[in-house]
Amino acid sequence: MAALAPAYRPRRPTETVLFGIVREHLETFLAYARESYDAPLPRYVEEELRGYLRCGVFAHGFVRAHCDACGHDLLVAFSCKGRGVCPSCAGRRMANTAAHLVDRVLPAVPVRQWVLSLPFELRALAAFRADVLAALVRIFVEVVSGRYRTWARTQALDDAPTGAVTFVQRFGSSVNLNVHFHVVFLDGVFSRDEQGRAVFHPAPPPSREELETVVRHVHRRVLAWLARKGRLDGTPDGNASQERAAHSCLDACAALAMQRGAVRALRDDPDAGETDAPAPVDAPPKEQDAVDHAGFNLHASVAIAADDHLGRERLCRYGARPALSLDRLRRLPGGRIAYRIKKLRDGRVKHRIMTPLDFLARLAAIVPPPRYPLVRYHGVLGPRSAWRRDVVPKPPTATPCPRRNAAAPSAPQRDARPPLERPLSPGVRSSCEQATRPSAAAQPRAPTRATLPTKPRAARAALLSPNVLSVQHWTRLLDGALYAAAPRVDWASLLRRTFDVDVLRCASCGGRLRVLEEVSEPAAVRLVLDRLGLPADAPAAARARDPTELLGDADVA
């Protein structure tokens, strides 16, 4: 059996800081949870943490691809497919979701991102109560949709619907539990012409008065719904919850994950320790385009033009991004954990400081429960909408081009096709089995704020039927070779679309690799790995030990 192809560089999860933390302290954390609380951690949280220790490890099975021309083998380790802890699987899900939305859901019309942050008292309810989360999302989308309908009536457009896609984010920028919504709205409304075709009418950007009206309506409707369901104690501002005190381990984890915790300014040297004095926690800047009312914060300043397919994909990736970045995580002397928040002007970097058990508790709170969808569709984009078939984009009809066929060479050229987009989030592990990875270290950046006109622009109706993907977008997908034909994009196509890497091309001879088999039987796995000179034994989780030394006070001010 030949050796691995030299161009293939499998990720090494066992060498990351996150893997070391989970492997060394998971059993201690689970034992402490069972002994200290009335109810241990839910099964889905424990399975998520244990599954991460198996993700990307060849000893737990892999897929083997082979080059018939030169005999090179490519091994792709199985992934855990987690939704909360594993940055690699969450990164793959991010890229897959964005590709599916841009190719098959979002039409080529202007879109606007509406972001709603919840009051502190509602975050735990929305994090673990599916009915509360669904009600909050529904109320917010209905209120914003009402704003578009109100504008449509001023244009003599009655019953003009709009559509949206909601991304539920359970995390903040510092490993904290912070449920908030990123909703990508089609920035306008739809109507039908005399022939029954879909016509899109772009709406002007919202004014500050409109944002204030929206957030006040959301606040009033949320309080009314919570009061009907008995979730409030009857206080006028509705800022108190009737949820019971923390008796389960998950309640305690959620309470810890919503706390401020200890924040320190560290030197930018990973091997250096803390500075002598703690850095002050700066308040978030006051954005002119954001409004706040009774703890609800709303802004809608990010807009993407109709012909910007790449911008829509970036926006969707930002909404579906992972909760954790491996490059922001590091260990400090003494065993504590530091997670980078942001850089300061004097060259220092602000970090959240945690003990290993505190860090695992925060991860446990971030893991989404079962039957807790993180992507939701509304309005004309809903699966049961009568508008959906006329609104969602369709691939162009495959018609041969005589000029292209006449000029095409007999053999394919490796670099003849136009380049793909570059990596949007170099620091995030975008796939559990990525063959190559960029060197930069950062999570997906927030989309830049679009320049908004000072006066409402006049609406220009655009005929949407038939809604076919543009030539520019189709060319970017290598003439449809990387088109997301199904909700789940295959691994090789997703890597090529995201990182411009053709992992199924043999780096030795330039031939094509073909998938031979899935190897999951322990005996077969050991046989293949032994022949390739790779470790055949998976790293074992450390045994539980006394947690007293791991419960240091990391949350001092």
Protein backbone atom coordinates (compact mmCIF):
# COMPACT_ATOMS: atom_id res chain seq x y z
CA MET A 1 0.00 0.00 0.00
CA ALA A 2 1.35 3.39 -1.00
CA ALA A 3 1.94 6.25 1.40
CA LEU A 4 -0.34 9.22 1.79
CA ALA A 5 -0.28 11.77 -0.98
CA PRO A 6 2.28 14.44 -0.05
CA ALA A 7 -0.19 17.30 -0.68
CA TYR A 8 -2.64 15.97 1.89
CA ARG A 9 -2.15 17.49 5.31
CA PRO A 10 -4.78 16.06 7.65
CA ARG A 11 -5.73 18.24 10.52
CA ARG A 12 -4.40 17.13 13.86
CA PRO A 13 -7.15 17.74 16.42
CA THR A 14 -5.24 15.90 19.14
CA GLU A 15 -2.59 18.64 19.08
CA THR A 16 -5.00 21.53 19.70
CA VAL A 17 -5.55 23.24 23.04
CA LEU A 18 -9.27 22.47 22.94
CA PHE A 19 -8.73 18.73 22.50
CA GLY A 20 -6.24 18.69 25.38
CA ILE A 21 -8.67 20.47 27.70
CA VAL A 22 -11.57 18.16 26.90
CA ARG A 23 -9.46 14.99 27.08
CA GLU A 24 -7.83 15.89 30.40
CA HIS A 25 -10.83 17.29 32.27
CA LEU A 26 -14.01 15.82 30.75
CA GLU A 27 -14.34 12.88 33.13
CA THR A 28 -13.61 15.12 36.12
CA PHE A 29 -16.24 17.59 34.94
CA LEU A 30 -18.88 14.89 34.42
CA ALA A 31 -18.15 13.28 37.80
CA TYR A 32 -18.38 16.65 39.55
CA ALA A 33 -21.71 17.32 37.82
CA ARG A 34 -23.16 13.98 38.97
CA GLU A 35 -22.06 14.43 42.57
CA SER A 36 -22.87 18.10 43.08
CA TYR A 37 -26.32 18.61 41.51
CA ASP A 38 -29.75 17.05 41.61
CA ALA A 39 -29.58 16.27 37.90
CA PRO A 40 -26.40 15.60 35.89
CA LEU A 41 -25.67 17.02 32.49
CA PRO A 42 -28.21 16.08 29.80
CA ARG A 43 -27.26 13.20 27.56
CA TYR A 44 -26.97 15.39 24.46
CA VAL A 45 -24.30 17.54 26.13
CA GLU A 46 -22.27 14.55 27.25
CA GLU A 47 -22.53 12.94 23.82
CA GLU A 48 -21.41 16.18 22.17
CA LEU A 49 -18.31 16.41 24.37
CA ARG A 50 -17.42 12.74 23.99
CA GLY A 51 -18.04 12.87 20.26
CA TYR A 52 -15.55 15.70 19.89
CA LEU A 53 -12.79 13.43 21.22
CA ARG A 54 -13.47 11.07 18.29
CA CYS A 55 -13.67 13.72 15.58
CA GLY A 56 -10.87 13.65 13.03
CA VAL A 57 -9.00 10.78 14.73
CA PHE A 58 -8.01 8.10 12.21
CA ALA A 59 -8.17 5.37 14.85
CA HIS A 60 -11.97 5.74 14.92
CA GLY A 61 -12.42 5.14 11.19
CA PHE A 62 -11.93 6.89 7.90
CA VAL A 63 -12.72 6.98 4.19
CA ARG A 64 -9.99 5.80 1.83
CA ALA A 65 -9.49 7.35 -1.63
CA HIS A 66 -7.01 5.88 -4.10
CA CYS A 67 -5.21 6.99 -7.26
CA ASP A 68 -5.11 4.18 -9.79
CA ALA A 69 -2.35 5.84 -11.80
CA CYS A 70 0.36 6.12 -9.15
CA GLY A 71 -1.05 4.29 -6.13
CA HIS A 72 -1.30 7.17 -3.68
CA ASP A 73 -3.87 6.89 -0.88
CA LEU A 74 -5.87 9.66 0.76
CA LEU A 75 -7.44 9.03 4.16
CA VAL A 76 -10.25 11.23 5.47
CA ALA A 77 -11.13 10.70 9.13
CA PHE A 78 -14.75 10.54 10.24
CA SER A 79 -16.25 13.66 11.81
CA CYS A 80 -18.46 14.02 14.87
CA LYS A 81 -21.02 16.28 13.11
CA GLY A 82 -21.48 18.26 16.31
CA ARG A 83 -23.33 21.58 16.47
CA GLY A 84 -21.77 23.25 19.46
CA VAL A 85 -18.28 22.23 20.62
CA CYS A 86 -16.34 21.13 17.54
CA PRO A 87 -15.09 24.17 15.60
CA SER A 88 -14.32 22.02 12.56
CA CYS A 89 -17.77 20.47 12.18
CA ALA A 90 -19.47 23.76 12.98
CA GLY A 91 -17.26 25.46 10.38
CA ARG A 92 -18.23 22.91 7.77
CA ARG A 93 -21.89 23.42 8.63
CA MET A 94 -21.37 27.18 8.27
CA ALA A 95 -19.96 26.89 4.74
CA ASN A 96 -22.56 24.30 3.73
CA THR A 97 -25.48 26.40 5.00
CA ALA A 98 -24.24 29.52 3.20
CA ALA A 99 -23.75 27.65 -0.09
CA HIS A 100 -27.24 26.15 0.11
CA LEU A 101 -28.89 29.48 0.90
CA VAL A 102 -27.14 31.45 -1.83
CA ASP A 103 -27.63 28.82 -4.55
CA ARG A 104 -31.10 27.53 -3.72
CA VAL A 105 -32.99 29.86 -1.35
CA LEU A 106 -32.11 33.57 -1.47
CA PRO A 107 -33.14 35.31 -4.71
CA ALA A 108 -31.01 37.95 -6.41
CA VAL A 109 -32.62 40.88 -4.61
CA PRO A 110 -31.27 43.30 -1.99
CA VAL A 111 -31.08 41.82 1.50
CA ARG A 112 -30.71 43.46 4.91
CA GLN A 113 -29.56 41.99 8.20
CA TRP A 114 -31.66 42.75 11.27
CA VAL A 115 -29.94 41.80 14.54
CA LEU A 116 -31.90 41.58 17.79
CA SER A 117 -30.19 41.03 21.14
CA LEU A 118 -32.32 39.89 24.06
CA PRO A 119 -32.40 41.19 27.63
CA PHE A 120 -30.19 39.35 30.06
CA GLU A 121 -33.19 37.86 31.87
CA LEU A 122 -34.59 36.20 28.74
CA ARG A 123 -31.41 34.56 27.47
CA ALA A 124 -31.62 31.43 29.61
CA LEU A 125 -35.28 30.98 28.71
CA ALA A 126 -34.56 31.28 24.99
CA ALA A 127 -31.51 29.04 25.30
CA PHE A 128 -33.29 25.97 26.68
CA ARG A 129 -37.03 26.50 26.10
CA ALA A 130 -37.89 25.70 22.50
CA ASP A 131 -41.35 27.27 22.77
CA VAL A 132 -39.92 30.53 24.12
CA LEU A 133 -37.31 30.66 21.36
CA ALA A 134 -39.88 29.98 18.65
CA ALA A 135 -42.19 32.68 20.03
CA LEU A 136 -39.40 35.28 20.22
CA VAL A 137 -38.28 34.58 16.65
CA ARG A 138 -41.86 34.63 15.36
CA ILE A 139 -42.69 37.91 17.10
CA PHE A 140 -39.55 39.63 15.84
CA VAL A 141 -40.03 38.48 12.24
CA GLU A 142 -43.72 39.46 12.28
CA VAL A 143 -42.96 42.95 13.59
CA VAL A 144 -40.23 43.60 11.02
CA SER A 145 -42.43 42.15 8.26
CA GLY A 146 -45.13 44.56 9.40
CA ARG A 147 -42.73 47.42 8.83
CA TYR A 148 -42.29 46.28 5.21
CA ARG A 149 -46.07 45.88 4.75
CA THR A 150 -46.66 49.37 6.11
CA TRP A 151 -44.21 50.79 3.59
CA ALA A 152 -45.81 48.71 0.81
CA ARG A 153 -49.23 50.24 1.51
CA THR A 154 -47.75 53.70 0.92
CA GLN A 155 -46.80 52.42 -2.54
CA ALA A 156 -50.33 51.14 -3.24
CA LEU A 157 -49.18 47.53 -2.78
CA ASP A 158 -51.68 45.53 -0.76
CA ASP A 159 -50.89 42.09 0.67
CA ALA A 160 -47.28 42.36 -0.45
CA PRO A 161 -45.25 39.73 1.43
CA THR A 162 -41.53 39.55 2.14
CA GLY A 163 -39.24 36.75 3.31
CA ALA A 164 -36.43 36.11 5.75
CA VAL A 165 -33.94 33.57 7.08
CA THR A 166 -33.17 33.57 10.80
CA PHE A 167 -29.83 32.46 12.26
CA VAL A 168 -30.07 31.72 15.98
CA GLN A 169 -26.75 32.36 17.67
CA ARG A 170 -26.38 31.05 21.22
CA PHE A 171 -22.97 32.56 21.94
CA GLY A 172 -21.14 35.83 22.26
CA SER A 173 -17.58 36.70 21.37
CA SER A 174 -16.08 35.42 24.63
CA VAL A 175 -17.45 31.89 25.21
CA ASN A 176 -20.58 33.20 26.91
CA LEU A 177 -24.23 32.23 26.58
CA ASN A 178 -25.89 35.05 24.65
CA VAL A 179 -28.90 34.07 22.55
CA HIS A 180 -29.57 36.60 19.80
CA PHE A 181 -30.95 36.59 16.26
CA HIS A 182 -29.37 37.46 12.94
CA VAL A 183 -32.26 37.71 10.48
CA VAL A 184 -31.51 38.18 6.78
CA PHE A 185 -34.59 39.90 5.30
CA LEU A 186 -35.32 40.32 1.62
CA ASP A 187 -35.17 44.10 1.67
CA GLY A 188 -38.51 44.77 0.04
CA VAL A 189 -41.82 43.16 -0.86
CA PHE A 190 -43.26 41.05 -3.66
CA SER A 191 -46.27 41.49 -5.90
CA ARG A 192 -47.53 39.91 -9.10
CA ASP A 193 -47.99 41.54 -12.47
CA GLU A 194 -50.81 40.98 -14.94
CA GLN A 195 -49.26 37.68 -16.08
CA GLY A 196 -48.93 36.43 -12.49
CA ARG A 197 -45.14 36.80 -12.43
CA ALA A 198 -43.28 37.74 -9.25
CA VAL A 199 -42.13 41.36 -9.06
CA PHE A 200 -39.83 42.63 -6.31
CA HIS A 201 -40.13 46.17 -4.93
CA PRO A 202 -37.04 47.26 -2.93
CA ALA A 203 -37.78 49.22 0.22
CA PRO A 204 -35.84 52.22 1.57
CA PRO A 205 -33.52 51.68 4.54
CA PRO A 206 -35.17 51.96 7.95
CA SER A 207 -34.90 55.23 9.79
CA ARG A 208 -33.99 55.44 13.45
CA GLU A 209 -37.63 56.20 14.27
CA GLU A 210 -38.68 53.01 12.50
CA LEU A 211 -36.11 50.99 14.43
CA GLU A 212 -37.38 52.42 17.69
CA THR A 213 -40.94 51.57 16.71
CA VAL A 214 -39.95 48.01 15.85
CA VAL A 215 -38.08 47.38 19.08
CA ARG A 216 -40.90 48.84 21.20
CA HIS A 217 -43.45 46.62 19.47
CA VAL A 218 -41.22 43.59 19.97
CA HIS A 219 -40.85 44.41 23.66
CA ARG A 220 -44.59 44.85 24.17
CA ARG A 221 -45.54 41.64 22.33
CA VAL A 222 -42.85 39.57 24.04
CA LEU A 223 -44.03 40.68 27.48
CA ALA A 224 -47.63 39.90 26.57
CA TRP A 225 -46.72 36.41 25.37
CA LEU A 226 -44.57 35.65 28.43
CA ALA A 227 -47.35 36.85 30.73
CA ARG A 228 -49.89 34.58 29.03
CA LYS A 229 -47.56 31.62 29.46
CA GLY A 230 -46.81 32.41 33.11
CA ARG A 231 -43.14 33.14 32.50
CA LEU A 232 -43.13 36.50 34.30
CA ASP A 233 -43.77 37.53 37.87
CA GLY A 234 -46.01 40.44 36.94
CA THR A 235 -43.47 43.24 37.34
CA PRO A 236 -44.20 46.23 35.08
CA ASP A 237 -40.97 46.03 33.10
CA GLY A 238 -41.08 42.25 32.83
CA ASN A 239 -37.43 41.90 33.72
CA ALA A 240 -37.88 39.11 36.24
CA SER A 241 -38.32 35.46 35.34
CA GLN A 242 -40.28 32.86 37.23
CA GLU A 243 -37.81 30.13 36.32
CA ARG A 244 -36.69 28.13 39.32
CA ALA A 245 -33.27 28.51 40.85
CA ALA A 246 -30.42 26.42 39.51
CA HIS A 247 -30.85 22.84 40.75
CA SER A 248 -29.52 20.97 37.74
CA CYS A 249 -26.00 21.03 36.41
CA LEU A 250 -27.16 22.60 33.15
CA ASP A 251 -28.84 25.44 35.05
CA ALA A 252 -25.58 26.09 36.87
CA CYS A 253 -23.61 25.98 33.63
CA ALA A 254 -26.00 28.48 32.05
CA ALA A 255 -25.76 30.81 35.04
CA LEU A 256 -21.96 30.68 34.85
CA ALA A 257 -21.91 31.15 31.07
CA MET A 258 -23.94 34.37 31.35
CA GLN A 259 -21.66 35.92 33.97
CA ARG A 260 -19.06 38.52 33.16
CA GLY A 261 -16.16 36.45 34.47
CA ALA A 262 -12.55 37.54 34.72
CA VAL A 263 -11.09 39.60 31.89
CA ARG A 264 -7.37 40.30 31.69
CA ALA A 265 -5.06 42.12 29.31
CA LEU A 266 -2.30 39.70 28.32
CA ARG A 267 0.80 40.27 26.30
CA ASP A 268 0.53 39.08 22.73
CA ASP A 269 3.20 36.45 23.37
CA PRO A 270 1.44 33.07 23.86
CA ASP A 271 4.16 31.98 26.28
CA ALA A 272 3.87 35.08 28.44
CA GLY A 273 1.72 35.39 31.51
CA GLU A 274 -0.68 38.06 32.70
CA THR A 275 0.04 41.71 33.27
CA ASP A 276 0.01 42.98 36.82
CA ALA A 277 -3.24 44.93 36.64
CA PRO A 278 -6.51 43.78 35.13
CA ALA A 279 -7.70 45.63 32.10
CA PRO A 280 -10.99 47.49 32.44
CA VAL A 281 -13.90 46.00 30.56
CA ASP A 282 -14.89 48.65 28.06
CA ALA A 283 -18.55 49.17 27.34
CA PRO A 284 -19.57 48.35 23.78
CA PRO A 285 -19.49 51.40 21.53
CA LYS A 286 -22.75 53.20 20.95
CA GLU A 287 -23.65 52.69 17.32
CA GLN A 288 -25.64 55.45 15.70
CA ASP A 289 -27.68 52.91 13.80
CA ALA A 290 -28.57 50.79 16.85
CA VAL A 291 -31.44 51.37 19.25
CA ASP A 292 -32.01 49.97 22.72
CA HIS A 293 -35.26 49.60 24.63
CA ALA A 294 -35.76 47.70 27.91
CA GLY A 295 -32.77 45.47 27.20
CA PHE A 296 -33.72 44.74 23.58
CA ASN A 297 -31.02 45.98 21.21
CA LEU A 298 -31.70 46.25 17.48
CA HIS A 299 -29.71 47.36 14.47
CA ALA A 300 -30.21 46.90 10.73
CA SER A 301 -27.27 48.70 9.13
CA VAL A 302 -25.85 45.86 7.01
CA ALA A 303 -27.26 45.69 3.50
CA ILE A 304 -26.16 43.65 0.48
CA ALA A 305 -26.90 44.66 -3.12
CA ALA A 306 -28.96 42.49 -5.44
CA ASP A 307 -26.04 41.48 -7.68
CA ASP A 308 -23.59 40.75 -4.84
CA HIS A 309 -23.77 36.95 -4.58
CA LEU A 310 -20.46 36.75 -2.76
CA GLY A 311 -21.64 39.34 -0.24
CA ARG A 312 -24.77 37.30 0.48
CA GLU A 313 -22.65 34.21 1.02
CA ARG A 314 -20.36 36.08 3.40
CA LEU A 315 -23.36 37.40 5.30
CA CYS A 316 -24.84 33.90 5.63
CA ARG A 317 -21.52 32.51 6.81
CA TYR A 318 -21.33 35.18 9.47
CA GLY A 319 -24.81 34.29 10.68
CA ALA A 320 -24.03 30.55 10.79
CA ARG A 321 -20.49 30.88 12.16
CA PRO A 322 -19.08 28.57 14.87
CA ALA A 323 -19.14 29.51 18.53
CA LEU A 324 -15.45 28.84 19.09
CA SER A 325 -12.19 29.64 17.30
CA LEU A 326 -9.21 27.42 18.03
CA ASP A 327 -6.73 30.22 17.37
CA ARG A 328 -8.20 32.38 20.13
CA LEU A 329 -7.75 29.70 22.77
CA ARG A 330 -4.57 29.16 24.76
CA ARG A 331 -3.34 27.85 28.08
CA LEU A 332 -1.67 29.99 30.69
CA PRO A 333 1.05 28.96 33.12
CA GLY A 334 -0.69 27.29 36.02
CA GLY A 335 -3.33 25.54 33.92
CA ARG A 336 -5.91 28.28 33.45
CA ILE A 337 -7.53 28.93 30.07
CA ALA A 338 -7.46 32.22 28.14
CA TYR A 339 -9.78 33.07 25.25
CA ARG A 340 -8.95 36.15 23.18
CA ILE A 341 -11.67 38.79 22.99
CA LYS A 342 -10.08 41.75 21.24
CA LYS A 343 -6.81 43.61 20.83
CA LEU A 344 -6.05 46.83 22.66
CA ARG A 345 -4.24 49.87 21.36
CA ASP A 346 -1.13 49.38 23.51
CA GLY A 347 -0.34 46.01 21.94
CA ARG A 348 -1.98 43.95 24.66
CA VAL A 349 -4.86 41.59 24.02
CA LYS A 350 -7.98 41.29 26.14
CA HIS A 351 -8.74 37.70 27.21
CA ARG A 352 -11.37 35.94 29.25
CA ILE A 353 -9.64 33.88 31.96
CA MET A 354 -11.24 30.60 33.09
CA THR A 355 -10.41 27.43 34.95
CA PRO A 356 -10.74 24.21 32.90
CA LEU A 357 -14.02 23.30 34.60
CA ASP A 358 -15.42 26.79 34.06
CA PHE A 359 -14.51 26.53 30.40
CA LEU A 360 -16.22 23.15 30.02
CA ALA A 361 -19.29 24.52 31.81
CA ARG A 362 -19.50 27.35 29.30
CA LEU A 363 -19.19 24.89 26.42
CA ALA A 364 -21.96 22.75 27.91
CA ALA A 365 -24.30 25.74 28.03
CA ILE A 366 -23.60 26.70 24.41
CA VAL A 367 -24.44 23.25 22.98
CA PRO A 368 -27.91 23.53 21.36
CA PRO A 369 -30.53 21.05 22.61
CA PRO A 370 -32.08 18.47 20.26
CA ARG A 371 -34.91 19.67 18.01
CA TYR A 372 -33.60 23.20 18.38
CA PRO A 373 -33.16 24.47 14.79
CA LEU A 374 -30.55 27.15 14.34
CA VAL A 375 -31.75 28.20 10.85
CA ARG A 376 -35.40 29.11 10.24
CA TYR A 377 -37.30 30.28 7.14
CA HIS A 378 -40.13 32.81 7.02
CA GLY A 379 -42.55 34.42 4.62
CA VAL A 380 -42.09 33.74 0.92
CA LEU A 381 -39.05 31.57 1.73
CA GLY A 382 -41.06 29.25 3.96
CA PRO A 383 -41.44 25.66 2.73
CA ARG A 384 -45.24 25.98 2.51
CA SER A 385 -45.38 29.40 0.91
CA ALA A 386 -47.19 29.67 -2.43
CA TRP A 387 -44.54 32.20 -3.47
CA ARG A 388 -41.53 29.98 -2.87
CA ARG A 389 -41.40 28.29 -6.27
CA ASP A 390 -41.43 31.70 -8.00
CA VAL A 391 -38.93 33.33 -5.64
CA VAL A 392 -36.10 30.86 -5.01
CA PRO A 393 -33.33 30.84 -7.66
CA LYS A 394 -32.93 28.11 -10.23
CA PRO A 395 -29.82 26.93 -12.10
CA PRO A 396 -29.51 28.09 -15.70
CA THR A 397 -30.46 25.72 -18.46
CA ALA A 398 -27.45 23.75 -19.66
CA THR A 399 -27.03 24.94 -23.24
CA PRO A 400 -23.76 24.24 -25.09
CA CYS A 401 -21.80 27.25 -26.31
CA PRO A 402 -20.47 26.65 -29.86
CA ARG A 403 -17.64 29.15 -29.44
CA ARG A 404 -16.51 27.63 -26.17
CA ASN A 405 -16.75 24.10 -27.54
CA ALA A 406 -14.71 25.02 -30.60
CA ALA A 407 -11.96 26.63 -28.56
CA ALA A 408 -11.88 24.07 -25.78
CA PRO A 409 -8.71 21.93 -25.68
CA SER A 410 -8.91 18.18 -25.83
CA ALA A 411 -7.41 17.74 -22.38
CA PRO A 412 -8.50 19.73 -19.33
CA GLN A 413 -6.11 22.40 -18.12
CA ARG A 414 -5.52 22.68 -14.43
CA ASP A 415 -5.52 26.48 -14.12
CA ALA A 416 -7.82 27.44 -16.98
CA ARG A 417 -10.86 28.07 -14.84
CA PRO A 418 -11.46 31.34 -13.01
CA PRO A 419 -10.30 31.36 -9.38
CA LEU A 420 -12.78 30.79 -6.60
CA GLU A 421 -13.31 33.12 -3.72
CA ARG A 422 -10.63 33.17 -1.09
CA PRO A 423 -11.21 31.85 2.46
CA LEU A 424 -13.67 34.02 4.34
CA SER A 425 -12.65 32.89 7.83
CA PRO A 426 -9.05 31.62 7.85
CA GLY A 427 -8.94 30.87 11.58
CA VAL A 428 -12.11 28.80 11.65
CA ARG A 429 -11.67 25.16 10.72
CA SER A 430 -14.16 25.08 7.91
CA SER A 431 -14.30 21.30 7.51
CA CYS A 432 -13.68 18.30 9.71
CA GLU A 433 -11.52 16.73 7.03
CA GLN A 434 -9.94 19.73 5.34
CA ALA A 435 -6.89 18.86 3.30
CA THR A 436 -5.26 22.28 3.57
CA ARG A 437 -5.87 25.24 5.79
CA PRO A 438 -4.94 28.92 5.71
CA SER A 439 -2.47 30.38 8.14
CA ALA A 440 -4.36 33.40 9.46
CA ALA A 441 -6.27 33.19 12.73
CA ALA A 442 -9.66 34.81 13.09
CA GLN A 443 -13.30 33.98 13.13
CA PRO A 444 -15.48 35.15 10.24
CA ARG A 445 -15.54 38.91 10.30
CA ALA A 446 -18.80 40.75 10.56
CA PRO A 447 -19.97 42.07 7.20
CA THR A 448 -19.04 45.69 6.70
CA ARG A 449 -21.79 48.22 7.13
CA ALA A 450 -23.21 49.38 3.84
CA THR A 451 -23.32 53.05 3.03
CA LEU A 452 -26.88 54.13 3.55
CA PRO A 453 -28.47 57.05 1.66
CA THR A 454 -29.58 60.00 3.72
CA LYS A 455 -32.99 60.12 1.99
CA PRO A 456 -35.31 57.22 1.19
CA ARG A 457 -34.61 56.05 -2.31
CA ALA A 458 -37.37 55.57 -4.82
CA ALA A 459 -38.51 52.00 -5.19
CA ARG A 460 -37.76 50.38 -8.52
CA ALA A 461 -39.72 47.24 -9.20
CA ALA A 462 -37.73 44.36 -10.65
CA LEU A 463 -39.27 41.43 -12.49
CA LEU A 464 -38.07 38.30 -10.74
CA SER A 465 -39.62 35.62 -12.95
CA PRO A 466 -37.96 33.54 -14.18
CA ASN A 467 -35.45 33.71 -11.32
CA VAL A 468 -32.25 32.16 -12.71
CA LEU A 469 -28.80 32.39 -11.17
CA SER A 470 -26.69 35.05 -12.81
CA VAL A 471 -23.86 34.27 -15.21
CA GLN A 472 -21.33 35.78 -12.78
CA HIS A 473 -22.46 33.56 -9.94
CA TRP A 474 -22.62 30.48 -12.18
CA THR A 475 -19.10 31.20 -13.44
CA ARG A 476 -17.84 31.54 -9.88
CA LEU A 477 -19.17 28.03 -9.30
CA LEU A 478 -17.01 26.73 -12.18
CA ASP A 479 -19.93 26.65 -14.59
CA GLY A 480 -22.07 24.82 -12.07
CA ALA A 481 -19.53 22.20 -11.02
CA LEU A 482 -19.71 23.48 -7.42
CA TYR A 483 -23.44 24.24 -7.41
CA ALA A 484 -25.20 23.17 -4.20
CA ALA A 485 -27.62 20.79 -5.86
CA ALA A 486 -28.71 19.38 -2.48
CA PRO A 487 -29.01 20.83 1.02
CA ARG A 488 -25.88 18.93 2.02
CA VAL A 489 -22.86 19.62 -0.18
CA ASP A 490 -20.30 16.85 -0.50
CA TRP A 491 -16.97 17.30 1.24
CA ALA A 492 -14.76 17.64 -1.83
CA SER A 493 -17.00 20.21 -3.54
CA LEU A 494 -17.36 22.25 -0.35
CA LEU A 495 -13.60 22.41 0.17
CA ARG A 496 -13.07 23.43 -3.43
CA ARG A 497 -15.72 26.11 -3.17
CA THR A 498 -14.47 27.44 0.16
CA PHE A 499 -10.68 27.11 -0.06
CA ASP A 500 -10.10 26.70 -3.81
CA VAL A 501 -8.53 23.30 -3.17
CA ASP A 502 -9.25 20.25 -5.31
CA VAL A 503 -8.59 17.50 -2.79
CA LEU A 504 -9.51 14.72 -5.22
CA ARG A 505 -6.68 15.63 -7.55
CA CYS A 506 -3.60 13.50 -6.97
CA ALA A 507 -0.68 15.79 -6.16
CA SER A 508 1.78 13.16 -7.37
CA CYS A 509 0.60 12.53 -10.93
CA GLY A 510 -2.30 14.90 -11.46
CA GLY A 511 -4.82 12.09 -11.82
CA ARG A 512 -8.14 11.73 -10.08
CA LEU A 513 -8.67 9.99 -6.78
CA ARG A 514 -11.62 7.67 -6.37
CA VAL A 515 -13.26 6.64 -3.12
CA LEU A 516 -12.58 2.98 -2.42
CA GLU A 517 -14.23 2.23 0.90
CA GLU A 518 -15.24 3.29 4.36
CA VAL A 519 -13.03 1.65 6.94
CA SER A 520 -14.71 1.42 10.34
CA GLU A 521 -13.93 -2.07 11.67
CA PRO A 522 -11.22 -1.80 14.35
CA ALA A 523 -9.13 -4.62 12.85
CA ALA A 524 -9.22 -3.11 9.37
CA VAL A 525 -8.49 0.36 10.72
CA ARG A 526 -5.44 -0.89 12.59
CA LEU A 527 -4.20 -2.82 9.55
CA VAL A 528 -4.35 0.21 7.24
CA LEU A 529 -2.86 2.63 9.76
CA ASP A 530 -0.02 0.24 10.63
CA ARG A 531 0.90 -0.09 6.97
CA LEU A 532 0.88 3.69 6.56
CA GLY A 533 2.87 4.25 9.74
CA LEU A 534 0.10 6.24 11.44
CA PRO A 535 -0.98 5.92 15.09
CA ALA A 536 -3.58 3.19 15.41
CA ASP A 537 -4.60 3.94 19.01
CA ALA A 538 -6.88 6.87 19.86
CA PRO A 539 -5.90 9.12 22.77
CA ALA A 540 -7.80 8.01 25.84
CA ALA A 541 -9.64 10.46 28.07
CA ALA A 542 -7.98 11.05 31.42
CA ARG A 543 -9.60 9.51 34.47
CA ALA A 544 -11.66 11.60 36.84
CA ARG A 545 -9.75 13.12 39.73
CA ASP A 546 -10.34 15.44 42.65
CA PRO A 547 -11.76 18.66 41.18
CA THR A 548 -10.77 20.80 44.18
CA GLU A 549 -7.60 22.08 42.57
CA LEU A 550 -9.52 22.89 39.37
CA LEU A 551 -12.18 25.02 41.07
CA GLY A 552 -10.02 28.06 41.60
CA ASP A 553 -11.73 31.42 41.56
CA ALA A 554 -11.17 32.54 37.97
CA ASP A 555 -14.02 35.03 38.07
CA VAL A 556 -12.50 37.58 40.42
CA ALA A 557 -12.78 41.16 39.25
